[in-house]
Amino acid sequence: LHFREIGLDDRVLVSKPVLIGKQRIPGVIGAKAIHLQKPDERKQVIPSRSLFIDIGAKTKEEALERVKIGDYVIFATKFGEFGTGMVKGKAFDDRSGCYALAEILKEDYSIPLYGAFTVQEEVGLRGAGVAGYAIAPDLAIVLEGTTCHDLSGADEHAYSTVLGGGPAISFMDSSSIGNKALIHELVRIAEENNIPYQLKRSVTGGNDAGRISLSRTGVPAVVISIPCRYIHSPVSALKLSDLEHTISLVKLFLRSVEGGFRV
């Protein structure tokens, strides 16, 4: 099967097991064996257009009995715990943000609160644009998983975030600039309640705040991110304490809004 990837690095695709469609048909991403490659091919990243998914079908007709054109393909990655307080799994950007939002919504609040689980962030922030326009919020908090490169051999200034450092508050990225009042209030709450936090050190990339902040006449917005290693790959890793502290920080912020905080 030929396929098209969205938001992935071609270098991490080869030989990965995948599942296709609602029936979760198993397959593996294949490529020409290294023995058959020319010397110059071995030195290059194999583009996704030259890869294929093998589902064990002998003919096109047999393949179409199992899958259909347009079926989604996901990595067959298993969630699990490892190390000390660490978990690994797929799509933590943005499953981690979705989990945090779901936990936050379990409590009752005396303010009108909308939780939006938006789609197609990677291809144009489309769901966020629709949600921002439909809800017309007074302010917005975007929860997401973000880059973390605190690895051996990396320069500290290029870490972006660090695992175990708490939720990462963004002051800006390529799609939006965080509202100063919201950032200051989050920092105040974190420091007064001994919640570890960090300021995101890189400004590359973007997220749903880019569309929400420009909705209608403009929406004050801030981004709170859970640091995740190896995002946009078949498996990511995060620290559970960062996830838990993100949830705690947002809950306390919402209590502050209940108490009269305004932008």
Protein backbone atom coordinates (compact mmCIF):
# COMPACT_ATOMS: atom_id res chain seq x y z
CA LEU A 1 0.00 0.00 0.00
CA HIS A 2 1.21 3.50 -0.75
CA PHE A 3 0.52 6.16 1.86
CA ARG A 4 0.97 9.80 2.75
CA GLU A 5 2.30 10.91 6.13
CA ILE A 6 1.26 14.06 8.01
CA GLY A 7 3.59 15.76 10.48
CA LEU A 8 6.11 12.91 10.68
CA ASP A 9 9.83 12.65 10.07
CA ASP A 10 10.59 10.27 7.17
CA ARG A 11 13.64 9.01 9.08
CA VAL A 12 11.52 7.24 11.72
CA LEU A 13 9.13 5.40 9.41
CA VAL A 14 11.06 2.42 8.05
CA SER A 15 10.20 -1.03 9.52
CA LYS A 16 7.56 0.29 11.93
CA PRO A 17 4.49 -1.91 12.61
CA VAL A 18 1.18 -0.17 11.91
CA LEU A 19 -2.57 -0.73 12.09
CA ILE A 20 -4.90 0.26 9.26
CA GLY A 21 -8.56 1.31 9.31
CA LYS A 22 -11.33 0.57 11.77
CA GLN A 23 -10.57 -3.14 11.62
CA ARG A 24 -6.99 -2.46 12.73
CA ILE A 25 -5.47 -4.48 9.88
CA PRO A 26 -1.81 -5.11 10.83
CA GLY A 27 1.01 -4.11 8.51
CA VAL A 28 4.62 -2.99 8.45
CA ILE A 29 6.22 -0.04 6.68
CA GLY A 30 8.72 -1.51 4.26
CA ALA A 31 11.48 -0.31 1.95
CA LYS A 32 14.01 -1.76 -0.43
CA ALA A 33 16.47 -3.94 1.48
CA ILE A 34 19.86 -2.34 2.11
CA HIS A 35 21.49 -5.14 0.06
CA LEU A 36 19.62 -3.92 -3.02
CA GLN A 37 20.26 -0.22 -2.54
CA LYS A 38 22.87 1.67 -4.52
CA PRO A 39 25.73 3.21 -2.50
CA ASP A 40 24.29 6.73 -2.79
CA GLU A 41 20.84 5.52 -1.69
CA ARG A 42 22.27 4.18 1.57
CA LYS A 43 23.44 7.68 2.49
CA GLN A 44 20.03 9.31 2.03
CA VAL A 45 16.84 9.38 4.05
CA ILE A 46 14.24 7.29 2.26
CA PRO A 47 11.33 9.64 1.45
CA SER A 48 7.87 8.45 2.44
CA ARG A 49 6.82 8.39 -1.20
CA SER A 50 9.34 5.55 -1.72
CA LEU A 51 8.01 3.52 1.22
CA PHE A 52 5.05 1.17 1.33
CA ILE A 53 2.92 -0.69 3.86
CA ASP A 54 2.98 -4.47 3.55
CA ILE A 55 -0.24 -6.16 4.74
CA GLY A 56 0.62 -9.57 3.29
CA ALA A 57 -1.71 -9.29 0.30
CA LYS A 58 -0.66 -10.94 -2.96
CA THR A 59 -2.83 -8.85 -5.29
CA LYS A 60 -4.54 -5.47 -5.41
CA GLU A 61 -7.91 -7.18 -5.21
CA GLU A 62 -6.89 -9.04 -2.05
CA ALA A 63 -5.61 -5.81 -0.49
CA LEU A 64 -8.89 -4.01 -1.24
CA GLU A 65 -10.80 -6.77 0.54
CA ARG A 66 -8.98 -5.80 3.76
CA VAL A 67 -8.53 -2.04 3.44
CA LYS A 68 -9.88 0.80 1.35
CA ILE A 69 -8.42 3.98 -0.10
CA GLY A 70 -8.50 6.73 2.52
CA ASP A 71 -8.19 4.47 5.57
CA TYR A 72 -6.18 6.00 8.39
CA VAL A 73 -2.96 4.35 9.49
CA ILE A 74 -1.62 4.44 13.05
CA PHE A 75 1.53 3.12 14.68
CA ALA A 76 1.06 -0.12 16.63
CA THR A 77 2.74 1.37 19.70
CA LYS A 78 1.91 0.02 23.15
CA PHE A 79 1.52 2.34 26.14
CA GLY A 80 3.63 1.47 29.16
CA GLU A 81 5.52 2.69 32.20
CA PHE A 82 9.31 2.70 32.42
CA GLY A 83 12.07 4.25 34.47
CA THR A 84 11.00 6.37 37.43
CA GLY A 85 7.61 7.96 36.93
CA MET A 86 7.91 7.82 33.13
CA VAL A 87 5.49 6.59 30.50
CA LYS A 88 5.90 5.88 26.80
CA GLY A 89 3.30 5.72 24.07
CA LYS A 90 2.16 7.21 20.79
CA ALA A 91 0.72 10.63 20.05
CA PHE A 92 1.42 12.25 23.42
CA ASP A 93 1.21 15.43 21.35
CA ASP A 94 -1.66 15.81 21.94
CA ARG A 95 -3.03 12.92 23.95
CA SER A 96 -1.37 14.40 27.02
CA GLY A 97 -3.26 17.66 26.55
CA CYS A 98 -6.53 15.78 26.02
CA TYR A 99 -5.99 13.77 29.20
CA ALA A 100 -5.24 16.92 31.20
CA LEU A 101 -8.38 18.62 29.90
CA ALA A 102 -10.54 15.59 30.67
CA GLU A 103 -9.24 15.52 34.26
CA ILE A 104 -9.80 19.26 34.69
CA LEU A 105 -13.40 18.97 33.48
CA LYS A 106 -14.22 16.40 36.17
CA GLU A 107 -14.56 19.22 38.70
CA ASP A 108 -17.39 21.73 38.93
CA TYR A 109 -16.76 25.43 38.40
CA SER A 110 -18.98 28.46 38.94
CA ILE A 111 -17.93 30.03 35.64
CA PRO A 112 -19.02 29.13 32.09
CA LEU A 113 -16.28 26.73 30.98
CA TYR A 114 -15.89 25.08 27.59
CA GLY A 115 -13.55 22.19 26.88
CA ALA A 116 -12.77 21.73 23.19
CA PHE A 117 -10.99 18.63 21.88
CA THR A 118 -10.00 20.00 18.49
CA VAL A 119 -8.99 18.24 15.28
CA GLN A 120 -6.49 18.81 12.45
CA GLU A 121 -4.03 20.98 14.35
CA GLU A 122 -1.20 19.63 12.21
CA VAL A 123 -2.79 20.67 8.92
CA GLY A 124 -3.92 24.21 9.68
CA LEU A 125 -5.37 24.47 13.22
CA ARG A 126 -8.75 23.86 11.61
CA GLY A 127 -10.71 22.55 14.58
CA ALA A 128 -9.42 25.32 16.83
CA GLY A 129 -10.54 27.94 14.33
CA VAL A 130 -14.09 26.61 14.29
CA ALA A 131 -14.22 26.16 18.09
CA GLY A 132 -12.82 29.63 18.77
CA TYR A 133 -15.39 31.26 16.49
CA ALA A 134 -18.34 29.23 17.78
CA ILE A 135 -17.58 29.64 21.48
CA ALA A 136 -16.31 33.25 21.37
CA PRO A 137 -14.45 32.85 24.68
CA ASP A 138 -13.33 35.65 26.99
CA LEU A 139 -9.96 33.92 27.30
CA ALA A 140 -8.41 30.63 26.23
CA ILE A 141 -5.92 28.14 27.63
CA VAL A 142 -4.39 25.76 25.11
CA LEU A 143 -3.12 22.46 26.52
CA GLU A 144 -0.68 20.42 24.44
CA GLY A 145 2.39 18.23 24.39
CA THR A 146 5.54 20.02 23.28
CA THR A 147 9.14 19.42 22.28
CA CYS A 148 11.66 18.27 24.88
CA HIS A 149 15.28 17.66 23.93
CA ASP A 150 17.03 17.40 27.31
CA LEU A 151 19.29 14.62 26.08
CA SER A 152 22.96 13.74 26.37
CA GLY A 153 25.01 15.68 23.84
CA ALA A 154 22.43 18.42 23.34
CA ASP A 155 23.24 22.03 24.19
CA GLU A 156 21.22 23.18 27.20
CA HIS A 157 19.92 26.26 25.42
CA ALA A 158 18.37 23.93 22.79
CA TYR A 159 16.43 21.77 25.25
CA SER A 160 13.19 23.73 24.69
CA THR A 161 11.82 22.07 27.85
CA VAL A 162 13.04 19.52 30.40
CA LEU A 163 11.26 16.48 31.78
CA GLY A 164 10.38 16.88 35.46
CA GLY A 165 10.49 20.67 35.25
CA GLY A 166 6.73 21.01 35.37
CA PRO A 167 4.30 22.51 32.85
CA ALA A 168 5.90 24.73 30.21
CA ILE A 169 4.36 28.16 29.76
CA SER A 170 4.94 29.73 26.34
CA PHE A 171 5.47 33.45 25.98
CA MET A 172 5.40 33.15 22.18
CA ASP A 173 5.85 30.81 19.22
CA SER A 174 5.55 31.09 15.46
CA SER A 175 1.75 31.27 15.59
CA SER A 176 0.91 33.44 18.60
CA ILE A 177 2.14 35.62 21.46
CA GLY A 178 0.88 34.69 24.92
CA ASN A 179 -1.21 37.20 26.83
CA LYS A 180 1.00 38.82 29.49
CA ALA A 181 -1.69 38.99 32.16
CA LEU A 182 -2.46 35.28 31.77
CA ILE A 183 1.23 34.34 31.90
CA HIS A 184 1.84 36.44 35.01
CA GLU A 185 -1.19 34.95 36.78
CA LEU A 186 -0.08 31.39 35.99
CA VAL A 187 3.42 32.13 37.29
CA ARG A 188 2.00 33.70 40.44
CA ILE A 189 -0.23 30.71 41.13
CA ALA A 190 2.58 28.22 40.50
CA GLU A 191 5.02 30.01 42.81
CA GLU A 192 2.51 30.55 45.61
CA ASN A 193 1.44 26.89 45.52
CA ASN A 194 4.90 25.34 45.03
CA ILE A 195 4.00 23.93 41.64
CA PRO A 196 7.11 23.49 39.48
CA TYR A 197 6.87 25.25 36.13
CA GLN A 198 9.15 26.33 33.31
CA LEU A 199 9.10 28.82 30.49
CA LYS A 200 9.41 27.20 27.10
CA ARG A 201 12.83 28.10 25.69
CA SER A 202 12.08 27.81 21.97
CA VAL A 203 9.67 29.80 19.81
CA THR A 204 9.50 27.47 16.83
CA GLY A 205 6.34 25.61 15.88
CA GLY A 206 2.77 26.59 16.55
CA ASN A 207 -0.47 25.32 18.04
CA ASP A 208 -4.19 25.99 18.37
CA ALA A 209 -3.62 29.32 20.13
CA GLY A 210 -2.61 30.70 16.74
CA ARG A 211 -6.18 30.45 15.46
CA ILE A 212 -8.07 30.95 18.70
CA SER A 213 -6.25 34.20 19.55
CA LEU A 214 -7.28 35.66 16.18
CA SER A 215 -10.90 34.55 16.38
CA ARG A 216 -13.55 37.23 15.92
CA THR A 217 -12.18 40.43 17.51
CA GLY A 218 -9.33 38.59 19.25
CA VAL A 219 -9.07 36.31 22.29
CA PRO A 220 -6.49 36.55 25.11
CA ALA A 221 -4.76 33.16 25.03
CA VAL A 222 -1.94 31.30 26.71
CA VAL A 223 -0.34 27.92 26.01
CA ILE A 224 0.55 25.43 28.74
CA SER A 225 2.50 22.43 27.48
CA ILE A 226 3.50 19.04 28.83
CA PRO A 227 7.15 18.32 27.89
CA CYS A 228 7.37 15.22 25.68
CA ARG A 229 10.49 13.63 24.25
CA TYR A 230 10.44 12.32 20.65
CA ILE A 231 7.15 13.88 19.52
CA HIS A 232 6.02 13.31 15.93
CA SER A 233 7.50 9.83 15.99
CA PRO A 234 6.11 6.31 16.64
CA VAL A 235 6.75 6.61 20.39
CA SER A 236 6.99 9.54 22.81
CA ALA A 237 7.96 9.75 26.49
CA LEU A 238 6.80 12.01 29.30
CA LYS A 239 7.08 12.40 33.07
CA LEU A 240 3.83 11.78 34.92
CA SER A 241 4.63 14.50 37.46
CA ASP A 242 4.67 17.10 34.65
CA LEU A 243 1.20 15.97 33.59
CA GLU A 244 -0.12 16.05 37.15
CA HIS A 245 1.34 19.50 37.84
CA THR A 246 -0.19 20.82 34.62
CA ILE A 247 -3.62 19.67 35.77
CA SER A 248 -3.12 21.22 39.21
CA LEU A 249 -1.98 24.55 37.78
CA VAL A 250 -4.95 24.89 35.44
CA LYS A 251 -7.44 23.93 38.16
CA LEU A 252 -6.04 26.62 40.45
CA PHE A 253 -6.09 29.15 37.62
CA LEU A 254 -9.77 28.46 37.03
CA ARG A 255 -10.40 28.97 40.75
CA SER A 256 -8.64 32.30 40.40
CA VAL A 257 -11.02 33.26 37.60
CA GLU A 258 -13.90 32.24 39.85
CA GLY A 259 -12.44 34.56 42.47
CA GLY A 260 -12.46 37.55 40.15
CA PHE A 261 -9.29 37.41 38.05
CA ARG A 262 -9.82 39.08 34.69
CA VAL A 263 -7.58 39.92 31.76
